[in-house]
Structure formats: C-alpha cells, structure tokens
Amino acid sequence: MEKIDDKMSFIDTSISNMLKSKEKVLESITNILAVSEETAATIEQVSASTQEQLAGSEELVKFAKGLNETAKELAQAILSFKTS
C-alpha cells in the first residue's frame, strides 16, 4: 500500500510541476506575442515615415526641375539684353 501512496504522490507532484511549466510557457508565449505586436507597429510607423520622405523627395525633385527651367529661361532673357 505504501508503494501505491508513493506512486500517487509522485504522479501528483509531476502533474503540479507540469502545470507550473505550462503556465511559464504560456507567459513566455504571451510576452513573445506582445513583442511581435510592438515590432509590427514599429515597422508600420517606419514604413509610413519612409513613404512621407519619399513623397517629400519627389516634390523636391519637381521643384528643382522647375527652378532649373526658370534659370534657363532667365539665362535666355539675359542673353537677349546683352549687347555685342
């Protein structure tokens, strides 16, 4: 009878240890999920910032081309006023 009690106690202890381990694993998974969600949010913010910078750069290129064209027109106008 003592052997049965020992075995039951061992099984009970093993089950308790497994439950504790399960809780630790679930907590770890929850933490990993939280980090993953934070990373995804950060990636979305970086992507949005990159898109804004790209749009700003494209607009800057457009203005630079316009300025270049205006400079060419001004140079032509100045040439028409020069006397030889």
Protein backbone atom coordinates (compact mmCIF):
# COMPACT_ATOMS: atom_id res chain seq x y z
CA MET A 1 0.00 0.00 0.00
CA GLU A 2 2.93 2.30 0.72
CA LYS A 3 4.24 1.87 -2.83
CA ILE A 4 0.88 2.94 -4.24
CA ASP A 5 0.88 6.01 -2.00
CA ASP A 6 4.42 6.85 -3.11
CA LYS A 7 3.46 6.46 -6.75
CA MET A 8 0.34 8.60 -6.31
CA SER A 9 2.39 11.27 -4.59
CA PHE A 10 4.94 11.16 -7.39
CA ILE A 11 2.18 11.48 -10.00
CA ASP A 12 0.62 14.38 -8.08
CA THR A 13 3.98 16.17 -7.86
CA SER A 14 4.63 15.55 -11.54
CA ILE A 15 1.26 16.97 -12.53
CA SER A 16 1.85 20.03 -10.35
CA ASN A 17 5.25 20.57 -11.97
CA MET A 18 3.74 20.18 -15.43
CA LEU A 19 1.05 22.76 -14.64
CA LYS A 20 3.69 25.22 -13.41
CA SER A 21 5.74 24.62 -16.55
CA LYS A 22 2.64 25.11 -18.70
CA GLU A 23 1.98 28.48 -17.04
CA LYS A 24 5.58 29.56 -17.67
CA VAL A 25 5.32 28.54 -21.31
CA LEU A 26 2.03 30.41 -21.73
CA GLU A 27 3.55 33.51 -20.11
CA SER A 28 6.53 33.29 -22.46
CA ILE A 29 4.26 32.96 -25.47
CA THR A 30 2.25 35.97 -24.31
CA ASN A 31 5.45 38.00 -23.94
CA ILE A 32 6.64 36.95 -27.39
CA LEU A 33 3.28 37.94 -28.85
CA ALA A 34 3.49 41.37 -27.20
CA VAL A 35 6.98 41.95 -28.59
CA SER A 36 5.83 40.81 -32.03
CA GLU A 37 2.91 43.23 -31.96
CA GLU A 38 5.17 46.10 -30.89
CA THR A 39 7.61 45.23 -33.67
CA ALA A 40 4.82 45.17 -36.24
CA ALA A 41 3.57 48.57 -35.07
CA THR A 42 7.09 50.00 -35.27
CA ILE A 43 7.55 48.60 -38.77
CA GLU A 44 4.27 50.25 -39.84
CA GLN A 45 5.47 53.59 -38.42
CA VAL A 46 8.80 53.30 -40.20
CA SER A 47 7.02 52.42 -43.44
CA ALA A 48 4.73 55.45 -43.12
CA SER A 49 7.70 57.71 -42.40
CA THR A 50 9.55 56.31 -45.39
CA GLN A 51 6.56 56.96 -47.63
CA GLU A 52 6.37 60.56 -46.34
CA GLN A 53 10.07 61.07 -47.01
CA LEU A 54 9.71 59.63 -50.50
CA ALA A 55 6.80 61.97 -51.25
CA GLY A 56 8.82 64.90 -49.93
CA SER A 57 11.82 63.92 -52.04
CA GLU A 58 9.67 63.60 -55.16
CA GLU A 59 8.22 67.05 -54.52
CA LEU A 60 11.72 68.46 -54.02
CA VAL A 61 12.82 66.97 -57.35
CA LYS A 62 9.78 68.55 -59.02
CA PHE A 63 10.63 71.97 -57.57
CA ALA A 64 14.30 71.59 -58.54
CA LYS A 65 13.32 70.82 -62.14
CA GLY A 66 11.04 73.87 -62.18
CA LEU A 67 13.80 76.04 -60.76
CA ASN A 68 16.22 74.71 -63.36
CA GLU A 69 13.76 75.53 -66.13
CA THR A 70 13.24 79.04 -64.73
CA ALA A 71 17.02 79.53 -64.57
CA LYS A 72 17.33 78.52 -68.23
CA GLU A 73 14.56 80.94 -69.21
CA LEU A 74 16.22 83.71 -67.21
CA ALA A 75 19.57 83.00 -68.87
CA GLN A 76 17.90 83.25 -72.30
CA ALA A 77 16.22 86.52 -71.31
CA ILE A 78 19.53 87.95 -70.10
CA LEU A 79 21.18 86.99 -73.40
CA SER A 80 18.57 88.95 -75.32
CA PHE A 81 19.52 92.12 -73.42
CA LYS A 82 23.30 91.76 -73.87
CA THR A 83 24.91 93.95 -76.48
CA SER A 84 27.73 92.73 -78.56
